[in-house]
């Protein structure tokens, strides 16, 4: 099994990194599955609109909801996320080499969202790459049974990880 995660510091950097990585793999003939996030800046007072692109070639699904210009809460629309998940599940049936998830977020940490698809992708022998933030890193490591590997957030490191053969050795015990 091959599962890794990456994270960045700047707003929107992770989304661009994973979207570009998916496009690079697609141009190499790699069969991608999953979602990447595409943010659209708005001219209004609220933050960007969040859309996800179902890999490899769409559609795009708006996963954010407008809660008002002064809102501070989570703008994720769980119903829209489930719609995107259903579209990804359909695409998984076509076969894939890598499953990319823009974010192992609160939904996945709580057992919802794309969590089951990550497990299914691993069972089918696909590589899995997820974006993450520090708040959910421990939950991802726990979910993966400790085999998720941190990868530097740069294109060369992501490609090197993807191109590397799957290790037959179990991860070293932390002592």
N, C-alpha and C. Protein backbone atom coordinates (compact mmCIF):
# COMPACT_ATOMS: atom_id res chain seq x y z
N UNK A 1 0.84 -1.18 0.00
CA UNK A 1 0.00 0.00 0.00
C UNK A 1 0.88 1.24 0.00
N UNK A 2 0.42 2.23 -0.73
CA UNK A 2 1.20 3.45 -0.88
C UNK A 2 0.29 4.64 -0.62
N UNK A 3 0.48 5.27 0.54
CA UNK A 3 -0.32 6.44 0.91
C UNK A 3 0.61 7.51 1.47
N UNK A 4 0.40 8.73 1.03
CA UNK A 4 1.21 9.86 1.49
C UNK A 4 0.33 11.08 1.67
N UNK A 5 0.89 12.03 2.40
CA UNK A 5 0.19 13.30 2.59
C UNK A 5 1.18 14.44 2.51
N UNK A 6 0.64 15.61 2.18
CA UNK A 6 1.45 16.81 2.10
C UNK A 6 0.66 17.98 2.62
N UNK A 7 1.37 19.01 3.09
CA UNK A 7 0.70 20.21 3.56
C UNK A 7 1.56 21.43 3.26
N UNK A 8 0.90 22.56 3.14
CA UNK A 8 1.59 23.82 2.88
C UNK A 8 1.14 24.84 3.92
N UNK A 9 1.77 26.01 3.90
CA UNK A 9 1.44 27.06 4.86
C UNK A 9 0.51 28.12 4.28
N UNK A 10 0.76 28.54 3.05
CA UNK A 10 0.02 29.66 2.47
C UNK A 10 -1.38 29.31 2.00
N UNK A 11 -2.26 30.29 2.06
CA UNK A 11 -3.65 30.11 1.62
C UNK A 11 -3.70 29.74 0.14
N UNK A 12 -4.31 28.63 -0.17
CA UNK A 12 -4.50 28.19 -1.54
C UNK A 12 -3.31 27.49 -2.17
N UNK A 13 -2.16 27.47 -1.51
CA UNK A 13 -0.96 26.84 -2.08
C UNK A 13 -1.14 25.35 -2.29
N UNK A 14 -1.73 24.68 -1.32
CA UNK A 14 -1.92 23.23 -1.42
C UNK A 14 -2.84 22.89 -2.58
N UNK A 15 -3.89 23.68 -2.75
CA UNK A 15 -4.83 23.43 -3.84
C UNK A 15 -4.13 23.51 -5.19
N UNK A 16 -3.32 24.55 -5.37
CA UNK A 16 -2.58 24.71 -6.64
C UNK A 16 -1.58 23.58 -6.83
N UNK A 17 -0.86 23.22 -5.78
CA UNK A 17 0.14 22.15 -5.86
C UNK A 17 -0.50 20.84 -6.32
N UNK A 18 -1.59 20.45 -5.69
CA UNK A 18 -2.23 19.17 -6.03
C UNK A 18 -2.89 19.20 -7.40
N UNK A 19 -3.48 20.34 -7.77
CA UNK A 19 -4.09 20.45 -9.10
C UNK A 19 -3.01 20.35 -10.18
N UNK A 20 -1.88 21.02 -9.97
CA UNK A 20 -0.78 20.95 -10.93
C UNK A 20 -0.19 19.54 -10.99
N UNK A 21 -0.06 18.90 -9.83
CA UNK A 21 0.45 17.53 -9.78
C UNK A 21 -0.46 16.58 -10.57
N UNK A 22 -1.76 16.72 -10.39
CA UNK A 22 -2.71 15.88 -11.13
C UNK A 22 -2.57 16.09 -12.63
N UNK A 23 -2.41 17.34 -13.05
CA UNK A 23 -2.24 17.64 -14.49
C UNK A 23 -0.94 17.06 -15.02
N UNK A 24 0.13 17.15 -14.23
CA UNK A 24 1.42 16.57 -14.64
C UNK A 24 1.28 15.07 -14.84
N UNK A 25 0.65 14.41 -13.89
CA UNK A 25 0.47 12.96 -14.00
C UNK A 25 -0.38 12.61 -15.21
N UNK A 26 -1.45 13.36 -15.42
CA UNK A 26 -2.33 13.12 -16.56
C UNK A 26 -1.55 13.25 -17.87
N UNK A 27 -0.67 14.25 -17.95
CA UNK A 27 0.13 14.44 -19.17
C UNK A 27 1.13 13.30 -19.38
N UNK A 28 1.46 12.57 -18.33
CA UNK A 28 2.34 11.41 -18.42
C UNK A 28 1.57 10.12 -18.70
N UNK A 29 0.26 10.21 -18.82
CA UNK A 29 -0.55 9.04 -19.09
C UNK A 29 -0.98 8.28 -17.85
N UNK A 30 -0.80 8.87 -16.69
CA UNK A 30 -1.21 8.24 -15.43
C UNK A 30 -2.71 8.44 -15.26
N UNK A 31 -3.40 7.38 -14.88
CA UNK A 31 -4.85 7.46 -14.67
C UNK A 31 -5.11 8.00 -13.26
N UNK A 32 -5.66 9.21 -13.19
CA UNK A 32 -5.94 9.84 -11.91
C UNK A 32 -7.41 9.71 -11.54
N UNK A 33 -7.66 9.74 -10.25
CA UNK A 33 -9.02 9.70 -9.72
C UNK A 33 -9.01 10.52 -8.44
N UNK A 34 -10.16 11.04 -8.06
CA UNK A 34 -10.25 11.83 -6.85
C UNK A 34 -10.72 13.23 -7.16
N UNK A 35 -10.31 14.19 -6.31
CA UNK A 35 -10.66 15.59 -6.53
C UNK A 35 -9.49 16.49 -6.18
N UNK A 36 -9.45 17.61 -6.89
CA UNK A 36 -8.56 18.71 -6.53
C UNK A 36 -9.42 19.96 -6.40
N UNK A 37 -8.97 20.88 -5.56
CA UNK A 37 -9.78 22.09 -5.31
C UNK A 37 -9.30 23.23 -6.17
N UNK A 38 -10.27 23.97 -6.68
CA UNK A 38 -9.99 25.16 -7.47
C UNK A 38 -10.73 26.31 -6.81
N UNK A 39 -10.00 27.30 -6.32
CA UNK A 39 -10.61 28.44 -5.66
C UNK A 39 -10.80 29.56 -6.66
N UNK A 40 -11.92 30.24 -6.56
CA UNK A 40 -12.23 31.37 -7.43
C UNK A 40 -12.40 32.60 -6.56
N UNK A 41 -11.53 33.57 -6.75
CA UNK A 41 -11.66 34.82 -5.99
C UNK A 41 -12.94 35.50 -6.43
N UNK A 42 -13.58 36.19 -5.51
CA UNK A 42 -14.84 36.87 -5.81
C UNK A 42 -14.66 38.38 -5.67
N UNK A 43 -15.56 39.11 -6.26
CA UNK A 43 -15.51 40.57 -6.17
C UNK A 43 -16.33 41.08 -5.00
N UNK A 44 -16.95 40.20 -4.26
CA UNK A 44 -17.77 40.61 -3.13
C UNK A 44 -16.94 40.54 -1.85
N UNK A 45 -17.59 40.74 -0.73
CA UNK A 45 -16.90 40.78 0.56
C UNK A 45 -16.53 39.40 1.10
N UNK A 46 -17.14 38.35 0.57
CA UNK A 46 -16.82 37.03 1.15
C UNK A 46 -15.57 36.44 0.51
N UNK A 47 -15.03 35.48 1.20
CA UNK A 47 -13.82 34.82 0.72
C UNK A 47 -14.10 34.09 -0.59
N UNK A 48 -13.10 33.44 -1.12
CA UNK A 48 -13.22 32.78 -2.41
C UNK A 48 -14.31 31.70 -2.42
N UNK A 49 -14.79 31.40 -3.61
CA UNK A 49 -15.68 30.26 -3.80
C UNK A 49 -14.80 29.02 -3.93
N UNK A 50 -15.23 27.92 -3.34
CA UNK A 50 -14.46 26.68 -3.39
C UNK A 50 -15.16 25.70 -4.32
N UNK A 51 -14.46 25.29 -5.35
CA UNK A 51 -14.95 24.28 -6.27
C UNK A 51 -13.96 23.13 -6.26
N UNK A 52 -14.46 21.93 -6.50
CA UNK A 52 -13.56 20.79 -6.69
C UNK A 52 -13.76 20.26 -8.10
N UNK A 53 -12.68 19.80 -8.67
CA UNK A 53 -12.71 19.18 -9.98
C UNK A 53 -12.58 17.68 -9.78
N UNK A 54 -13.53 16.94 -10.30
CA UNK A 54 -13.47 15.49 -10.26
C UNK A 54 -12.43 15.04 -11.30
N UNK A 55 -11.45 14.30 -10.85
CA UNK A 55 -10.39 13.86 -11.75
C UNK A 55 -10.85 12.67 -12.58
N UNK A 56 -10.38 12.58 -13.81
CA UNK A 56 -9.31 13.37 -14.41
C UNK A 56 -9.78 14.63 -15.14
N UNK A 57 -11.04 14.71 -15.54
CA UNK A 57 -11.41 15.80 -16.44
C UNK A 57 -12.74 16.47 -16.10
N UNK A 58 -13.10 16.46 -14.84
CA UNK A 58 -14.33 17.15 -14.43
C UNK A 58 -15.49 16.19 -14.29
N UNK A 59 -16.56 16.69 -13.83
CA UNK A 59 -17.02 18.07 -13.73
C UNK A 59 -16.46 18.79 -12.50
N UNK A 60 -16.78 20.08 -12.41
CA UNK A 60 -16.47 20.87 -11.23
C UNK A 60 -17.74 20.94 -10.38
N UNK A 61 -17.56 20.90 -9.08
CA UNK A 61 -18.68 20.97 -8.14
C UNK A 61 -18.37 22.06 -7.12
N UNK A 62 -19.28 23.01 -6.93
CA UNK A 62 -19.11 24.05 -5.91
C UNK A 62 -19.38 23.42 -4.56
N UNK A 63 -18.39 23.45 -3.67
CA UNK A 63 -18.54 22.84 -2.34
C UNK A 63 -18.65 23.88 -1.23
N UNK A 64 -18.56 25.16 -1.58
CA UNK A 64 -18.71 26.20 -0.56
C UNK A 64 -20.12 26.77 -0.62
N UNK A 65 -20.51 27.35 0.48
CA UNK A 65 -21.79 28.03 0.54
C UNK A 65 -21.57 29.41 1.15
N UNK A 66 -22.31 30.37 0.68
CA UNK A 66 -22.19 31.74 1.17
C UNK A 66 -23.01 31.86 2.45
N UNK A 67 -22.35 32.22 3.54
CA UNK A 67 -23.02 32.33 4.83
C UNK A 67 -23.18 33.77 5.29
N UNK A 68 -22.85 34.70 4.42
CA UNK A 68 -22.92 36.11 4.79
C UNK A 68 -21.53 36.70 4.92
N UNK A 69 -21.43 37.99 4.68
CA UNK A 69 -20.11 38.61 4.61
C UNK A 69 -19.37 38.62 5.94
N UNK A 70 -20.05 38.55 7.05
CA UNK A 70 -19.40 38.58 8.35
C UNK A 70 -19.26 37.20 8.99
N UNK A 71 -19.60 36.16 8.27
CA UNK A 71 -19.55 34.82 8.85
C UNK A 71 -18.12 34.39 9.11
N UNK A 72 -17.96 33.56 10.13
CA UNK A 72 -16.65 33.04 10.48
C UNK A 72 -16.65 31.50 10.48
N UNK A 73 -17.81 30.90 10.33
CA UNK A 73 -17.93 29.46 10.40
C UNK A 73 -17.46 28.75 9.14
N UNK A 74 -17.48 27.45 9.19
CA UNK A 74 -17.09 26.62 8.05
C UNK A 74 -18.08 26.82 6.91
N UNK A 75 -17.55 27.10 5.74
CA UNK A 75 -18.39 27.35 4.57
C UNK A 75 -18.63 26.10 3.73
N UNK A 76 -18.09 24.97 4.16
CA UNK A 76 -18.27 23.74 3.40
C UNK A 76 -19.74 23.36 3.35
N UNK A 77 -20.22 23.03 2.17
CA UNK A 77 -21.57 22.53 1.99
C UNK A 77 -21.48 21.00 1.98
N UNK A 78 -21.85 20.34 3.08
CA UNK A 78 -21.69 18.89 3.16
C UNK A 78 -22.45 18.13 2.06
N UNK A 79 -23.60 18.63 1.66
CA UNK A 79 -24.37 17.97 0.60
C UNK A 79 -23.61 18.03 -0.73
N UNK A 80 -23.00 19.17 -1.00
CA UNK A 80 -22.23 19.30 -2.24
C UNK A 80 -20.99 18.39 -2.20
N UNK A 81 -20.39 18.28 -1.02
CA UNK A 81 -19.24 17.37 -0.89
C UNK A 81 -19.67 15.93 -1.17
N UNK A 82 -20.83 15.55 -0.68
CA UNK A 82 -21.33 14.20 -0.94
C UNK A 82 -21.64 13.99 -2.42
N UNK A 83 -22.11 15.04 -3.10
CA UNK A 83 -22.33 14.97 -4.55
C UNK A 83 -21.01 14.71 -5.26
N UNK A 84 -19.97 15.46 -4.88
CA UNK A 84 -18.65 15.25 -5.48
C UNK A 84 -18.15 13.84 -5.19
N UNK A 85 -18.36 13.36 -3.96
CA UNK A 85 -17.93 12.01 -3.59
C UNK A 85 -18.62 10.96 -4.45
N UNK A 86 -19.90 11.14 -4.72
CA UNK A 86 -20.63 10.18 -5.55
C UNK A 86 -20.07 10.16 -6.97
N UNK A 87 -19.70 11.33 -7.49
CA UNK A 87 -19.13 11.39 -8.84
C UNK A 87 -17.76 10.71 -8.87
N UNK A 88 -16.97 10.88 -7.81
CA UNK A 88 -15.66 10.22 -7.74
C UNK A 88 -15.85 8.71 -7.65
N UNK A 89 -16.81 8.26 -6.86
CA UNK A 89 -17.07 6.82 -6.73
C UNK A 89 -17.39 6.20 -8.08
N UNK A 90 -18.17 6.92 -8.90
CA UNK A 90 -18.47 6.43 -10.25
C UNK A 90 -17.19 6.32 -11.08
N UNK A 91 -16.32 7.31 -10.97
CA UNK A 91 -15.07 7.31 -11.75
C UNK A 91 -14.12 6.21 -11.30
N UNK A 92 -14.17 5.85 -10.04
CA UNK A 92 -13.29 4.79 -9.54
C UNK A 92 -13.52 3.49 -10.29
N UNK A 93 -14.73 3.28 -10.77
CA UNK A 93 -15.05 2.06 -11.49
C UNK A 93 -14.31 1.96 -12.81
N UNK A 94 -13.82 3.09 -13.34
CA UNK A 94 -13.07 3.09 -14.61
C UNK A 94 -11.62 2.67 -14.44
N UNK A 95 -11.16 2.53 -13.21
CA UNK A 95 -9.77 2.18 -12.93
C UNK A 95 -8.91 3.42 -12.80
N UNK A 96 -7.84 3.31 -12.03
CA UNK A 96 -6.97 4.45 -11.76
C UNK A 96 -5.63 3.95 -11.24
N UNK A 97 -4.63 4.82 -11.34
CA UNK A 97 -3.30 4.52 -10.80
C UNK A 97 -3.07 5.25 -9.49
N UNK A 98 -3.69 6.43 -9.36
CA UNK A 98 -3.53 7.23 -8.14
C UNK A 98 -4.85 7.91 -7.79
N UNK A 99 -5.12 7.94 -6.51
CA UNK A 99 -6.28 8.63 -5.96
C UNK A 99 -5.75 9.87 -5.23
N UNK A 100 -6.20 11.04 -5.65
CA UNK A 100 -5.76 12.30 -5.05
C UNK A 100 -6.95 12.95 -4.37
N UNK A 101 -6.75 13.35 -3.13
CA UNK A 101 -7.79 14.04 -2.38
C UNK A 101 -7.23 15.38 -1.92
N UNK A 102 -7.91 16.45 -2.30
CA UNK A 102 -7.41 17.78 -1.99
C UNK A 102 -7.21 18.01 -0.50
N UNK A 103 -8.05 17.40 0.32
CA UNK A 103 -7.93 17.65 1.76
C UNK A 103 -8.57 16.53 2.56
N UNK A 104 -7.78 15.93 3.44
CA UNK A 104 -8.30 15.05 4.46
C UNK A 104 -8.73 15.99 5.58
N UNK A 105 -9.98 16.39 5.53
CA UNK A 105 -10.47 17.42 6.44
C UNK A 105 -11.32 16.85 7.56
N UNK A 106 -12.09 17.72 8.17
CA UNK A 106 -12.93 17.34 9.31
C UNK A 106 -13.91 16.24 8.93
N UNK A 107 -14.48 16.32 7.74
CA UNK A 107 -15.43 15.28 7.32
C UNK A 107 -14.75 13.90 7.34
N UNK A 108 -13.55 13.82 6.76
CA UNK A 108 -12.83 12.55 6.71
C UNK A 108 -12.34 12.13 8.10
N UNK A 109 -11.87 13.09 8.89
CA UNK A 109 -11.40 12.80 10.25
C UNK A 109 -12.53 12.22 11.09
N UNK A 110 -13.77 12.65 10.79
CA UNK A 110 -14.95 12.16 11.52
C UNK A 110 -15.58 10.92 10.87
N UNK A 111 -14.93 10.35 9.86
CA UNK A 111 -15.41 9.11 9.25
C UNK A 111 -16.34 9.29 8.08
N UNK A 112 -16.47 10.53 7.57
CA UNK A 112 -17.39 10.79 6.45
C UNK A 112 -16.59 11.23 5.24
N UNK A 113 -17.26 11.92 4.33
CA UNK A 113 -16.59 12.46 3.15
C UNK A 113 -15.97 11.37 2.27
N UNK A 114 -14.70 11.50 2.01
CA UNK A 114 -13.99 10.59 1.11
C UNK A 114 -13.24 9.48 1.85
N UNK A 115 -13.43 9.37 3.14
CA UNK A 115 -12.66 8.42 3.94
C UNK A 115 -12.75 6.98 3.42
N UNK A 116 -13.95 6.51 3.15
CA UNK A 116 -14.09 5.13 2.67
C UNK A 116 -13.44 4.94 1.30
N UNK A 117 -13.48 5.98 0.47
CA UNK A 117 -12.85 5.87 -0.86
C UNK A 117 -11.34 5.79 -0.78
N UNK A 118 -10.75 6.43 0.23
CA UNK A 118 -9.31 6.30 0.44
C UNK A 118 -8.98 4.84 0.70
N UNK A 119 -9.72 4.22 1.60
CA UNK A 119 -9.50 2.80 1.89
C UNK A 119 -9.73 1.92 0.68
N UNK A 120 -10.77 2.21 -0.08
CA UNK A 120 -11.05 1.43 -1.29
C UNK A 120 -9.93 1.58 -2.31
N UNK A 121 -9.43 2.81 -2.47
CA UNK A 121 -8.34 3.04 -3.42
C UNK A 121 -7.12 2.23 -3.03
N UNK A 122 -6.80 2.18 -1.75
CA UNK A 122 -5.67 1.38 -1.29
C UNK A 122 -5.91 -0.11 -1.53
N UNK A 123 -7.12 -0.58 -1.25
CA UNK A 123 -7.46 -1.98 -1.47
C UNK A 123 -7.31 -2.38 -2.94
N UNK A 124 -7.61 -1.43 -3.83
CA UNK A 124 -7.51 -1.70 -5.27
C UNK A 124 -6.08 -1.57 -5.79
N UNK A 125 -5.14 -1.21 -4.91
CA UNK A 125 -3.74 -1.14 -5.31
C UNK A 125 -3.31 0.20 -5.85
N UNK A 126 -4.16 1.22 -5.77
CA UNK A 126 -3.77 2.55 -6.24
C UNK A 126 -2.95 3.27 -5.20
N UNK A 127 -2.10 4.17 -5.66
CA UNK A 127 -1.41 5.06 -4.74
C UNK A 127 -2.43 6.10 -4.27
N UNK A 128 -2.23 6.64 -3.08
CA UNK A 128 -3.13 7.65 -2.53
C UNK A 128 -2.29 8.82 -2.03
N UNK A 129 -2.67 10.02 -2.46
CA UNK A 129 -2.04 11.25 -1.99
C UNK A 129 -3.13 12.17 -1.49
N UNK A 130 -2.98 12.65 -0.27
CA UNK A 130 -3.96 13.57 0.29
C UNK A 130 -3.28 14.83 0.80
N UNK A 131 -3.99 15.94 0.65
CA UNK A 131 -3.58 17.18 1.29
C UNK A 131 -4.13 17.17 2.71
N UNK A 132 -3.45 17.87 3.58
CA UNK A 132 -3.88 17.86 4.99
C UNK A 132 -3.47 19.15 5.67
N UNK A 133 -4.11 19.43 6.79
CA UNK A 133 -3.65 20.52 7.64
C UNK A 133 -3.23 19.89 8.97
N UNK A 134 -2.42 20.61 9.75
CA UNK A 134 -1.91 20.01 10.99
C UNK A 134 -3.00 19.51 11.94
N UNK A 135 -4.16 20.13 11.94
CA UNK A 135 -5.23 19.74 12.86
C UNK A 135 -5.72 18.31 12.62
N UNK A 136 -5.61 17.80 11.39
CA UNK A 136 -6.12 16.46 11.08
C UNK A 136 -5.02 15.44 10.79
N UNK A 137 -3.77 15.84 10.94
CA UNK A 137 -2.65 14.93 10.62
C UNK A 137 -2.69 13.67 11.48
N UNK A 138 -2.89 13.80 12.77
CA UNK A 138 -2.92 12.63 13.65
C UNK A 138 -4.06 11.68 13.28
N UNK A 139 -5.21 12.24 12.90
CA UNK A 139 -6.36 11.40 12.50
C UNK A 139 -6.04 10.61 11.22
N UNK A 140 -5.34 11.24 10.27
CA UNK A 140 -4.96 10.53 9.04
C UNK A 140 -3.96 9.42 9.35
N UNK A 141 -2.99 9.71 10.19
CA UNK A 141 -1.99 8.69 10.54
C UNK A 141 -2.66 7.52 11.24
N UNK A 142 -3.58 7.83 12.15
CA UNK A 142 -4.33 6.78 12.84
C UNK A 142 -5.15 5.96 11.83
N UNK A 143 -5.88 6.65 10.95
CA UNK A 143 -6.70 5.98 9.95
C UNK A 143 -5.86 5.06 9.06
N UNK A 144 -4.65 5.50 8.69
CA UNK A 144 -3.80 4.72 7.79
C UNK A 144 -3.03 3.61 8.51
N UNK A 145 -3.22 3.48 9.80
CA UNK A 145 -2.47 2.48 10.53
C UNK A 145 -0.99 2.81 10.62
N UNK A 146 -0.67 4.09 10.51
CA UNK A 146 0.70 4.54 10.63
C UNK A 146 1.54 4.44 9.37
N UNK A 147 0.92 4.07 8.23
CA UNK A 147 1.73 3.91 7.01
C UNK A 147 1.74 5.14 6.11
N UNK A 148 0.93 6.15 6.42
CA UNK A 148 0.92 7.36 5.61
C UNK A 148 2.26 8.07 5.77
N UNK A 149 2.86 8.43 4.64
CA UNK A 149 4.18 9.06 4.60
C UNK A 149 4.06 10.55 4.34
N UNK A 150 4.73 11.39 5.15
CA UNK A 150 4.72 12.82 4.83
C UNK A 150 5.65 13.10 3.64
N UNK A 151 5.17 13.92 2.72
CA UNK A 151 5.95 14.28 1.53
C UNK A 151 6.08 15.80 1.49
N UNK A 152 7.27 16.28 1.18
CA UNK A 152 7.49 17.72 1.05
C UNK A 152 6.54 18.30 0.00
N UNK A 153 6.10 19.50 0.25
CA UNK A 153 5.11 20.14 -0.62
C UNK A 153 5.79 20.83 -1.80
N UNK A 154 6.36 20.02 -2.69
CA UNK A 154 6.92 20.56 -3.93
C UNK A 154 6.77 19.51 -5.03
N UNK A 155 6.67 19.95 -6.28
CA UNK A 155 6.41 19.02 -7.38
C UNK A 155 7.44 17.89 -7.50
N UNK A 156 8.71 18.20 -7.32
CA UNK A 156 9.75 17.17 -7.46
C UNK A 156 9.59 16.07 -6.41
N UNK A 157 9.30 16.45 -5.17
CA UNK A 157 9.12 15.46 -4.10
C UNK A 157 7.89 14.59 -4.36
N UNK A 158 6.81 15.21 -4.82
CA UNK A 158 5.60 14.44 -5.11
C UNK A 158 5.84 13.44 -6.24
N UNK A 159 6.52 13.87 -7.29
CA UNK A 159 6.82 12.96 -8.40
C UNK A 159 7.76 11.84 -7.97
N UNK A 160 8.76 12.17 -7.16
CA UNK A 160 9.69 11.14 -6.68
C UNK A 160 8.95 10.10 -5.85
N UNK A 161 8.04 10.55 -5.00
CA UNK A 161 7.25 9.60 -4.20
C UNK A 161 6.41 8.71 -5.12
N UNK A 162 5.72 9.32 -6.08
CA UNK A 162 4.85 8.55 -6.96
C UNK A 162 5.65 7.54 -7.78
N UNK A 163 6.81 7.94 -8.27
CA UNK A 163 7.62 7.07 -9.12
C UNK A 163 8.36 5.98 -8.35
N UNK A 164 8.52 6.14 -7.05
CA UNK A 164 9.24 5.15 -6.24
C UNK A 164 8.42 3.87 -6.13
N UNK A 165 9.10 2.72 -6.15
CA UNK A 165 8.36 1.45 -5.97
C UNK A 165 7.77 1.36 -4.57
N UNK A 166 6.72 0.58 -4.45
CA UNK A 166 6.09 0.35 -3.15
C UNK A 166 7.03 -0.48 -2.31
N UNK A 167 7.29 -0.02 -1.10
CA UNK A 167 8.18 -0.74 -0.19
C UNK A 167 7.49 -2.01 0.30
N UNK A 168 8.25 -3.08 0.37
CA UNK A 168 7.72 -4.33 0.92
C UNK A 168 7.92 -4.40 2.43
N UNK A 169 8.70 -3.47 2.96
CA UNK A 169 8.99 -3.44 4.38
C UNK A 169 7.88 -2.69 5.14
N UNK A 170 7.47 -3.18 6.29
CA UNK A 170 6.53 -2.41 7.09
C UNK A 170 7.25 -1.18 7.64
N UNK A 171 6.51 -0.13 7.99
CA UNK A 171 7.17 1.05 8.54
C UNK A 171 7.91 0.71 9.83
N UNK A 172 9.03 1.38 10.06
CA UNK A 172 9.83 1.13 11.26
C UNK A 172 9.03 1.53 12.51
N UNK A 173 9.16 0.72 13.53
CA UNK A 173 8.46 1.02 14.78
C UNK A 173 9.08 2.25 15.43
N UNK A 174 8.22 3.09 15.95
CA UNK A 174 8.68 4.28 16.66
C UNK A 174 8.96 3.87 18.10
N UNK A 175 10.15 4.13 18.55
CA UNK A 175 10.48 3.62 19.86
C UNK A 175 10.82 4.64 20.81
